[in-house]
Amino acid sequence: MSGGIASPGNEFKLRPVWAGRALALTGIVLVALNLRSAVTAMSPIVDRIQVDVPLSDVALGIIGMLAPLMLAMGGLLGPVLARWIRLETNLLLACIGMSAGHLVRALAGDFTQLLFGSIVAMLSMGVGNVLLPALVKKYFPDRIALMTSIYAMLFSVSTAIPGTVSPVVADAAGWRISLMVWGAAALIAAPPWIALVLRGRSQARRGVEGSTAVSAGRGAGVGLWRSRVAWGLLLMHGMSALNGYAMLAWLPEILMDTAGISGVKAGILLSVYAVTAGPLALVVPAIALRMRSPAVLAYIGAALFVSGYMGLMLAPGFLTPLWVLVAASGTGLFPVMLALINARTRTPATTAALSGFVQGNGALISVAGPLVVGLLHDVTGGWTAPFCFLIAASAGIVIGGMLLRSPISVDEELREYAARR
């Protein structure tokens, strides 16, 4: 790869993607296919669940808030676990946790059990979410763009499929069987990681180089708070996720109020918004790693958000699908962030720490999106103030891009910080 960023692709000889790492490739693909099912498998069948497990509006609200909160907690917990436990073991535990969480939900007899199962499944999802970049760094340092594109695209598949399949299975066999299906799917992702764990232990006994556990270093998390690169990625990801979650929560109501379209059409446009990031994930990681200044992509992403919002504010009934598609294209910054986490780190340990910092704290920031938009709409009775809030949040993406203009890596920043102490 060319360009000003010192990406891993410049440091390692290109090998066939299957060469000596088929287990890792299979494991990453299977985990990525499960990393959103804990969120989207249950929401389409809540009405069936309520027949057996009474759920108040407050209970539903609590479960609805779990996804970003557990992503945040998993993001902060994952790098801590990586200091003491091998990455492969962590992923195996995440698969088991997701499967167990689905199973507990499927067998739940009351809200407490349903909530506990959801926490276990989504927390495990969050841990797996932040450790995948480190595993790509470890096993595919020569294929960062390709592997990032693959698993980022599979995130979209993992988001879309459960929402379609769960109601069908629930109608045919009941909601408990529907949730058990996703528990089984998560468990299917475990065997490659079992094999890699056993292989790692065998290599450790033989003293093979690189077989020891990845250690992020106890000071890495503290140092990241002083890293321009870490803050740049955090702002870019956190503010774009804030915009994305806000629109996913409120877009149908916005379109029905401002453009006067039907609920069916609004639902279709919501689906368009949700899946747009998938195709973008196939191309933007390679672009980000080849650009001299990938900060330009942050500026483009912010401009897309703002342009879409301006269209929906000023001409909501004219070319409505275009404004939705333009705004949705801003969510393509998610795979850019994943690629840059690898491009701006030199070791799997630092990759794990940076991924946790960016995705964990970014998820916390994103929680504010749907909440603030809803509050502003309630206070003002319209959508202008919410759109202005989202436009202001998009400015944070620009600031994040400005912090990423230098090609320095996080490892270099941490060494400089340690030298000054």
Protein backbone atom coordinates (compact mmCIF):
# COMPACT_ATOMS: atom_id res chain seq x y z
CA MET A 1 0.00 0.00 0.00
CA SER A 2 1.16 3.43 -0.74
CA GLY A 3 0.66 6.79 0.81
CA GLY A 4 1.84 8.73 3.82
CA ILE A 5 0.36 6.41 6.46
CA ALA A 6 2.64 3.69 7.66
CA SER A 7 0.17 0.87 7.34
CA PRO A 8 0.92 -2.71 8.16
CA GLY A 9 0.64 -3.63 4.52
CA ASN A 10 3.97 -1.85 3.92
CA GLU A 11 5.80 -3.94 6.55
CA PHE A 12 4.85 -7.52 5.65
CA LYS A 13 5.16 -9.63 2.53
CA LEU A 14 1.81 -10.26 0.90
CA ARG A 15 0.67 -13.87 1.35
CA PRO A 16 -2.40 -15.78 0.15
CA VAL A 17 -5.17 -15.05 2.61
CA TRP A 18 -5.60 -18.76 3.49
CA ALA A 19 -1.87 -19.47 3.87
CA GLY A 20 -1.42 -20.95 7.35
CA ARG A 21 -4.33 -18.97 8.80
CA ALA A 22 -7.52 -20.64 7.57
CA LEU A 23 -8.69 -21.18 11.15
CA ALA A 24 -8.27 -17.49 12.00
CA LEU A 25 -10.09 -16.43 8.82
CA THR A 26 -12.97 -18.82 9.52
CA GLY A 27 -13.15 -17.71 13.15
CA ILE A 28 -13.20 -14.00 12.30
CA VAL A 29 -15.93 -14.49 9.68
CA LEU A 30 -18.12 -16.55 12.02
CA VAL A 31 -17.70 -14.13 14.93
CA ALA A 32 -18.47 -11.13 12.74
CA LEU A 33 -21.68 -12.83 11.61
CA ASN A 34 -22.79 -13.00 15.26
CA LEU A 35 -21.71 -9.61 16.59
CA ARG A 36 -25.03 -7.85 16.07
CA SER A 37 -27.57 -10.67 16.45
CA ALA A 38 -27.84 -10.06 20.21
CA VAL A 39 -29.28 -6.61 19.38
CA THR A 40 -31.56 -7.36 16.43
CA ALA A 41 -32.76 -10.91 17.13
CA MET A 42 -35.14 -9.95 19.94
CA SER A 43 -36.66 -6.58 19.00
CA PRO A 44 -38.79 -7.90 16.08
CA ILE A 45 -40.42 -10.54 18.31
CA VAL A 46 -41.05 -8.51 21.46
CA ASP A 47 -44.80 -8.79 20.93
CA ARG A 48 -44.52 -12.61 21.04
CA ILE A 49 -42.29 -12.49 24.12
CA GLN A 50 -44.76 -10.25 25.97
CA VAL A 51 -47.38 -13.00 25.81
CA ASP A 52 -45.26 -15.08 28.21
CA VAL A 53 -43.06 -12.43 29.86
CA PRO A 54 -44.90 -9.18 30.72
CA LEU A 55 -42.79 -6.17 29.74
CA SER A 56 -43.62 -2.58 30.64
CA ASP A 57 -42.57 0.40 28.55
CA VAL A 58 -39.82 1.07 31.10
CA ALA A 59 -38.58 -2.51 30.76
CA LEU A 60 -38.52 -2.22 26.97
CA GLY A 61 -36.66 1.09 27.25
CA ILE A 62 -34.03 -0.46 29.51
CA ILE A 63 -33.46 -3.33 27.07
CA GLY A 64 -33.32 -0.85 24.19
CA MET A 65 -30.52 1.11 25.89
CA LEU A 66 -28.43 -1.99 26.57
CA ALA A 67 -26.83 -2.23 23.11
CA PRO A 68 -24.71 0.96 23.18
CA LEU A 69 -24.04 0.61 26.91
CA MET A 70 -22.81 -2.98 26.59
CA LEU A 71 -20.77 -2.06 23.52
CA ALA A 72 -19.13 0.62 25.65
CA MET A 73 -18.51 -1.71 28.59
CA GLY A 74 -17.23 -4.44 26.29
CA GLY A 75 -14.95 -1.92 24.62
CA LEU A 76 -13.44 -0.95 27.95
CA LEU A 77 -13.30 -4.53 29.28
CA GLY A 78 -11.81 -6.22 26.19
CA PRO A 79 -8.35 -4.59 26.32
CA VAL A 80 -8.17 -5.25 30.08
CA LEU A 81 -8.80 -8.94 29.48
CA ALA A 82 -6.21 -8.91 26.69
CA ARG A 83 -3.53 -7.95 29.23
CA TRP A 84 -3.92 -11.30 30.95
CA ILE A 85 -5.60 -13.69 28.50
CA ARG A 86 -4.70 -14.64 24.94
CA LEU A 87 -6.75 -12.93 22.24
CA GLU A 88 -7.95 -16.29 20.96
CA THR A 89 -9.16 -17.32 24.43
CA ASN A 90 -10.98 -14.00 24.77
CA LEU A 91 -12.81 -14.59 21.48
CA LEU A 92 -13.71 -18.12 22.53
CA LEU A 93 -15.16 -16.80 25.80
CA ALA A 94 -17.06 -14.12 23.85
CA CYS A 95 -18.64 -16.80 21.63
CA ILE A 96 -19.64 -18.84 24.67
CA GLY A 97 -20.99 -15.72 26.38
CA MET A 98 -23.11 -14.73 23.38
CA SER A 99 -24.51 -18.25 23.11
CA ALA A 100 -25.23 -18.45 26.85
CA GLY A 101 -26.92 -15.05 26.82
CA HIS A 102 -29.25 -16.07 23.98
CA LEU A 103 -30.06 -19.31 25.82
CA VAL A 104 -30.87 -17.51 29.09
CA ARG A 105 -33.17 -15.14 27.19
CA ALA A 106 -34.85 -18.07 25.44
CA LEU A 107 -35.58 -19.77 28.79
CA ALA A 108 -36.51 -16.56 30.66
CA GLY A 109 -39.62 -16.63 32.79
CA ASP A 110 -39.56 -13.01 33.90
CA PHE A 111 -38.01 -9.65 33.04
CA THR A 112 -35.04 -10.09 35.37
CA GLN A 113 -33.93 -13.25 33.58
CA LEU A 114 -34.52 -11.66 30.19
CA LEU A 115 -32.45 -8.64 31.22
CA PHE A 116 -29.62 -10.79 32.59
CA GLY A 117 -29.45 -12.83 29.39
CA SER A 118 -29.41 -9.67 27.30
CA ILE A 119 -26.57 -8.21 29.37
CA VAL A 120 -24.48 -11.39 29.04
CA ALA A 121 -25.08 -11.66 25.28
CA MET A 122 -24.45 -7.98 24.53
CA LEU A 123 -21.44 -7.62 26.83
CA SER A 124 -19.84 -10.62 25.13
CA MET A 125 -20.70 -9.00 21.81
CA GLY A 126 -18.93 -5.83 22.90
CA VAL A 127 -15.78 -7.71 23.91
CA GLY A 128 -15.64 -9.54 20.59
CA ASN A 129 -16.31 -6.31 18.75
CA VAL A 130 -13.20 -4.53 20.03
CA LEU A 131 -10.82 -7.50 19.84
CA LEU A 132 -11.41 -8.32 16.17
CA PRO A 133 -9.06 -5.53 14.93
CA ALA A 134 -6.28 -6.90 17.16
CA LEU A 135 -6.78 -10.39 15.74
CA VAL A 136 -6.64 -9.01 12.21
CA LYS A 137 -3.39 -7.27 13.14
CA LYS A 138 -2.00 -10.53 14.57
CA TYR A 139 -2.97 -12.93 11.77
CA PHE A 140 -3.40 -10.69 8.71
CA PRO A 141 -0.90 -7.81 8.95
CA ASP A 142 -0.51 -7.99 5.17
CA ARG A 143 -4.27 -7.97 4.48
CA ILE A 144 -5.60 -5.23 6.76
CA ALA A 145 -7.85 -3.57 4.17
CA LEU A 146 -9.32 -6.85 2.88
CA MET A 147 -10.04 -8.30 6.31
CA THR A 148 -11.47 -5.03 7.63
CA SER A 149 -13.78 -4.84 4.61
CA ILE A 150 -14.92 -8.43 5.14
CA TYR A 151 -15.83 -8.21 8.79
CA ALA A 152 -17.24 -4.68 8.60
CA MET A 153 -19.53 -5.82 5.79
CA LEU A 154 -20.51 -8.88 7.82
CA PHE A 155 -21.52 -6.58 10.67
CA SER A 156 -24.24 -5.24 8.36
CA VAL A 157 -25.30 -8.79 7.49
CA SER A 158 -25.39 -9.66 11.19
CA THR A 159 -27.62 -6.64 11.75
CA ALA A 160 -30.04 -7.34 8.91
CA ILE A 161 -30.55 -11.13 8.94
CA PRO A 162 -31.91 -11.61 12.51
CA GLY A 163 -34.53 -8.91 12.00
CA THR A 164 -35.89 -10.87 9.03
CA VAL A 165 -35.40 -14.45 10.23
CA SER A 166 -36.43 -14.14 13.90
CA PRO A 167 -40.13 -13.39 13.25
CA VAL A 168 -40.35 -16.24 10.73
CA VAL A 169 -38.87 -18.75 13.18
CA ALA A 170 -40.97 -17.35 16.04
CA ASP A 171 -44.18 -17.79 14.00
CA ALA A 172 -43.23 -21.33 13.05
CA ALA A 173 -41.77 -22.63 16.32
CA GLY A 174 -42.19 -19.98 19.01
CA TRP A 175 -40.07 -17.11 20.26
CA ARG A 176 -37.98 -19.28 22.56
CA ILE A 177 -36.81 -21.46 19.68
CA SER A 178 -36.13 -18.30 17.67
CA LEU A 179 -33.69 -17.03 20.31
CA MET A 180 -32.14 -20.49 20.69
CA VAL A 181 -31.30 -20.43 16.99
CA TRP A 182 -29.04 -17.42 17.51
CA GLY A 183 -27.48 -19.07 20.54
CA ALA A 184 -26.60 -22.05 18.37
CA ALA A 185 -25.23 -19.73 15.67
CA ALA A 186 -22.92 -18.07 18.22
CA LEU A 187 -21.74 -21.47 19.44
CA ILE A 188 -20.89 -22.51 15.87
CA ALA A 189 -18.31 -19.68 15.85
CA ALA A 190 -16.44 -21.29 18.78
CA PRO A 191 -14.63 -24.33 17.20
CA PRO A 192 -12.02 -22.33 15.23
CA TRP A 193 -11.07 -20.46 18.39
CA ILE A 194 -10.91 -23.71 20.38
CA ALA A 195 -8.46 -25.04 17.80
CA LEU A 196 -6.40 -21.83 17.88
CA VAL A 197 -6.30 -21.84 21.70
CA LEU A 198 -5.06 -25.45 21.72
CA ARG A 199 -2.51 -24.68 19.02
CA GLY A 200 -1.29 -21.67 20.97
CA ARG A 201 -0.83 -23.74 24.12
CA SER A 202 1.08 -26.36 22.15
CA GLN A 203 3.34 -23.68 20.68
CA ALA A 204 3.86 -22.16 24.12
CA ARG A 205 5.03 -25.50 25.50
CA ARG A 206 7.50 -25.77 22.60
CA GLY A 207 8.64 -22.16 23.10
CA VAL A 208 7.50 -21.02 19.65
CA GLU A 209 7.98 -17.28 19.15
CA GLY A 210 4.76 -15.26 19.23
CA SER A 211 2.81 -17.84 21.21
CA THR A 212 2.56 -15.81 24.40
CA ALA A 213 -0.51 -13.83 25.38
CA VAL A 214 -1.00 -10.38 23.97
CA SER A 215 -0.40 -7.80 26.68
CA ALA A 216 -1.65 -4.29 26.16
CA GLY A 217 0.50 -2.92 28.93
CA ARG A 218 -0.94 -1.42 32.06
CA GLY A 219 -0.03 2.10 31.07
CA ALA A 220 -1.42 1.95 27.55
CA GLY A 221 -4.94 2.93 28.54
CA VAL A 222 -3.70 5.96 30.48
CA GLY A 223 -1.41 7.00 27.65
CA LEU A 224 -4.20 6.86 25.08
CA TRP A 225 -5.93 9.78 26.78
CA ARG A 226 -2.92 11.86 25.73
CA SER A 227 -2.81 10.56 22.15
CA ARG A 228 -3.91 12.86 19.31
CA VAL A 229 -4.53 9.82 17.11
CA ALA A 230 -6.72 8.14 19.75
CA TRP A 231 -8.74 11.32 20.27
CA GLY A 232 -9.06 11.85 16.53
CA LEU A 233 -10.45 8.36 16.00
CA LEU A 234 -12.68 8.68 19.05
CA LEU A 235 -14.24 11.92 17.84
CA MET A 236 -14.65 10.62 14.30
CA HIS A 237 -16.26 7.37 15.44
CA GLY A 238 -18.22 8.69 18.42
CA MET A 239 -19.83 11.59 16.56
CA SER A 240 -20.61 9.56 13.45
CA ALA A 241 -22.14 6.80 15.62
CA LEU A 242 -24.17 9.45 17.47
CA ASN A 243 -25.55 10.62 14.13
CA GLY A 244 -26.21 7.08 12.96
CA TYR A 245 -28.05 5.90 16.07
CA ALA A 246 -30.12 9.09 16.18
CA MET A 247 -31.29 8.64 12.61
CA LEU A 248 -31.99 4.93 13.06
CA ALA A 249 -34.18 5.82 16.05
CA TRP A 250 -36.05 8.79 14.59
CA LEU A 251 -35.86 8.70 10.78
CA PRO A 252 -39.32 7.16 10.15
CA GLU A 253 -41.04 9.75 12.35
CA ILE A 254 -39.01 12.55 10.78
CA LEU A 255 -39.99 11.47 7.27
CA MET A 256 -43.67 11.02 8.12
CA ASP A 257 -43.82 14.46 9.81
CA THR A 258 -41.79 16.49 7.31
CA ALA A 259 -42.19 14.68 3.97
CA GLY A 260 -45.71 13.36 4.57
CA ILE A 261 -44.88 9.85 3.40
CA SER A 262 -46.52 6.68 4.68
CA GLY A 263 -45.19 4.51 7.44
CA VAL A 264 -44.42 1.74 4.94
CA LYS A 265 -42.28 4.02 2.77
CA ALA A 266 -40.60 5.46 5.85
CA GLY A 267 -39.73 1.92 6.95
CA ILE A 268 -38.24 1.15 3.55
CA LEU A 269 -36.08 4.28 3.69
CA LEU A 270 -34.99 3.32 7.21
CA SER A 271 -33.82 -0.02 5.80
CA VAL A 272 -31.92 1.83 3.08
CA TYR A 273 -30.25 3.95 5.75
CA ALA A 274 -29.35 0.87 7.81
CA VAL A 275 -27.75 -1.16 5.01
CA THR A 276 -25.83 1.62 3.25
CA ALA A 277 -22.72 1.14 5.38
CA GLY A 278 -22.43 -2.49 4.20
CA PRO A 279 -21.46 -1.82 0.56
CA LEU A 280 -19.25 1.09 1.65
CA ALA A 281 -17.36 -1.27 3.95
CA LEU A 282 -16.14 -3.16 0.89
CA VAL A 283 -14.22 -0.18 -0.49
CA VAL A 284 -13.49 2.51 2.08
CA PRO A 285 -10.90 0.61 4.21
CA ALA A 286 -8.63 0.19 1.17
CA ILE A 287 -9.13 3.84 0.26
CA ALA A 288 -8.32 4.95 3.82
CA LEU A 289 -5.08 2.95 3.90
CA ARG A 290 -3.94 4.28 0.53
CA MET A 291 -4.66 7.96 1.12
CA ARG A 292 -1.85 10.31 2.09
CA SER A 293 -4.25 12.02 4.47
CA PRO A 294 -7.22 9.82 5.46
CA ALA A 295 -8.48 12.79 7.44
CA VAL A 296 -10.09 13.83 4.16
CA LEU A 297 -12.52 10.94 4.58
CA ALA A 298 -13.62 12.39 7.93
CA TYR A 299 -14.35 15.71 6.23
CA ILE A 300 -16.29 13.94 3.46
CA GLY A 301 -18.27 11.91 6.00
CA ALA A 302 -19.22 15.04 7.95
CA ALA A 303 -20.20 16.80 4.72
CA LEU A 304 -22.44 13.89 3.76
CA PHE A 305 -24.24 13.98 7.11
CA VAL A 306 -24.75 17.74 6.88
CA SER A 307 -25.84 17.66 3.22
CA GLY A 308 -28.43 14.97 3.93
CA TYR A 309 -29.79 16.90 6.92
CA MET A 310 -29.98 20.14 4.96
CA GLY A 311 -31.95 18.38 2.24
CA LEU A 312 -34.37 16.89 4.76
CA MET A 313 -34.78 20.27 6.46
CA LEU A 314 -35.16 22.50 3.42
CA ALA A 315 -36.78 20.18 0.86
CA PRO A 316 -38.03 17.08 2.68
CA GLY A 317 -40.65 16.21 0.06
CA PHE A 318 -38.26 16.62 -2.89
CA LEU A 319 -35.82 13.78 -3.67
CA THR A 320 -36.40 12.37 -0.20
CA PRO A 321 -34.64 9.04 -0.91
CA LEU A 322 -31.57 10.96 -2.11
CA TRP A 323 -31.28 12.94 1.14
CA VAL A 324 -31.62 9.72 3.16
CA LEU A 325 -28.95 7.98 1.07
CA VAL A 326 -26.57 10.96 1.33
CA ALA A 327 -26.93 11.14 5.12
CA ALA A 328 -26.57 7.35 5.39
CA SER A 329 -23.29 7.48 3.45
CA GLY A 330 -21.76 9.31 6.39
CA THR A 331 -22.00 6.08 8.38
CA GLY A 332 -19.28 4.72 6.09
CA LEU A 333 -16.86 6.25 8.59
CA PHE A 334 -17.26 3.15 10.77
CA PRO A 335 -15.15 0.86 8.52
CA VAL A 336 -12.73 3.77 8.03
CA MET A 337 -12.26 3.87 11.80
CA LEU A 338 -11.67 0.11 11.94
CA ALA A 339 -9.02 0.32 9.22
CA LEU A 340 -7.23 3.26 10.83
CA ILE A 341 -7.10 1.52 14.22
CA ASN A 342 -4.86 -1.04 12.54
CA ALA A 343 -3.01 1.46 10.35
CA ARG A 344 -2.06 3.64 13.32
CA THR A 345 -0.78 0.84 15.58
CA ARG A 346 2.26 -1.43 15.36
CA THR A 347 1.35 -4.41 17.56
CA PRO A 348 -1.79 -6.43 18.37
CA ALA A 349 -1.47 -5.23 21.98
CA THR A 350 -1.71 -1.56 21.02
CA THR A 351 -4.43 -2.37 18.49
CA ALA A 352 -6.53 -3.99 21.24
CA ALA A 353 -6.01 -1.02 23.57
CA LEU A 354 -6.82 1.56 20.88
CA SER A 355 -9.86 -0.40 19.67
CA GLY A 356 -11.24 -0.53 23.20
CA PHE A 357 -10.59 3.17 23.78
CA VAL A 358 -12.20 4.28 20.53
CA GLN A 359 -15.13 1.88 20.35
CA GLY A 360 -15.87 1.80 24.08
CA ASN A 361 -15.91 5.55 24.59
CA GLY A 362 -17.45 6.10 21.16
CA ALA A 363 -20.40 3.93 22.16
CA LEU A 364 -20.88 6.04 25.29
CA ILE A 365 -20.96 9.19 23.18
CA SER A 366 -23.45 7.65 20.74
CA VAL A 367 -26.00 7.03 23.52
CA ALA A 368 -26.69 10.77 23.57
CA GLY A 369 -27.85 10.85 19.93
CA PRO A 370 -31.38 9.38 20.13
CA LEU A 371 -31.96 10.87 23.59
CA VAL A 372 -31.05 14.48 22.74
CA VAL A 373 -32.89 14.39 19.42
CA GLY A 374 -36.01 13.15 21.18
CA LEU A 375 -35.77 15.79 23.91
CA LEU A 376 -35.24 18.61 21.42
CA HIS A 377 -38.23 17.45 19.39
CA ASP A 378 -40.42 17.32 22.50
CA VAL A 379 -39.35 20.81 23.58
CA THR A 380 -39.61 22.53 20.19
CA GLY A 381 -42.33 20.47 18.55
CA GLY A 382 -40.33 20.32 15.30
CA TRP A 383 -37.24 18.82 13.72
CA THR A 384 -35.13 21.92 13.03
CA ALA A 385 -33.48 21.95 16.46
CA PRO A 386 -32.69 18.21 16.36
CA PHE A 387 -31.12 18.62 12.91
CA CYS A 388 -29.06 21.57 14.15
CA PHE A 389 -27.81 19.40 17.02
CA LEU A 390 -26.77 16.67 14.60
CA ILE A 391 -25.04 19.19 12.34
CA ALA A 392 -23.12 20.52 15.35
CA ALA A 393 -22.15 16.96 16.26
CA SER A 394 -20.85 16.50 12.71
CA ALA A 395 -18.38 19.30 13.42
CA GLY A 396 -16.79 16.94 15.95
CA ILE A 397 -16.03 14.56 13.07
CA VAL A 398 -14.12 17.37 11.35
CA ILE A 399 -12.11 18.04 14.51
CA GLY A 400 -11.33 14.33 14.70
CA GLY A 401 -10.06 14.42 11.13
CA MET A 402 -7.81 17.36 11.92
CA LEU A 403 -6.20 15.35 14.73
CA LEU A 404 -5.46 12.53 12.27
CA ARG A 405 -3.54 14.60 9.72
CA SER A 406 -0.13 13.52 11.04
CA PRO A 407 0.92 9.98 9.98
CA ILE A 408 2.35 9.21 13.46
CA SER A 409 1.33 5.92 15.10
CA VAL A 410 -0.11 5.51 18.57
CA ASP A 411 2.93 3.43 19.56
CA GLU A 412 5.21 6.35 18.69
CA GLU A 413 3.03 8.74 20.67
CA LEU A 414 3.11 6.43 23.69
CA ARG A 415 6.90 6.14 23.49
CA GLU A 416 7.25 9.90 23.29
CA TYR A 417 4.93 10.29 26.28
CA ALA A 418 6.90 7.70 28.28
CA ALA A 419 10.19 9.45 27.40
CA ARG A 420 8.89 12.78 28.72
CA ARG A 421 7.81 11.34 32.07
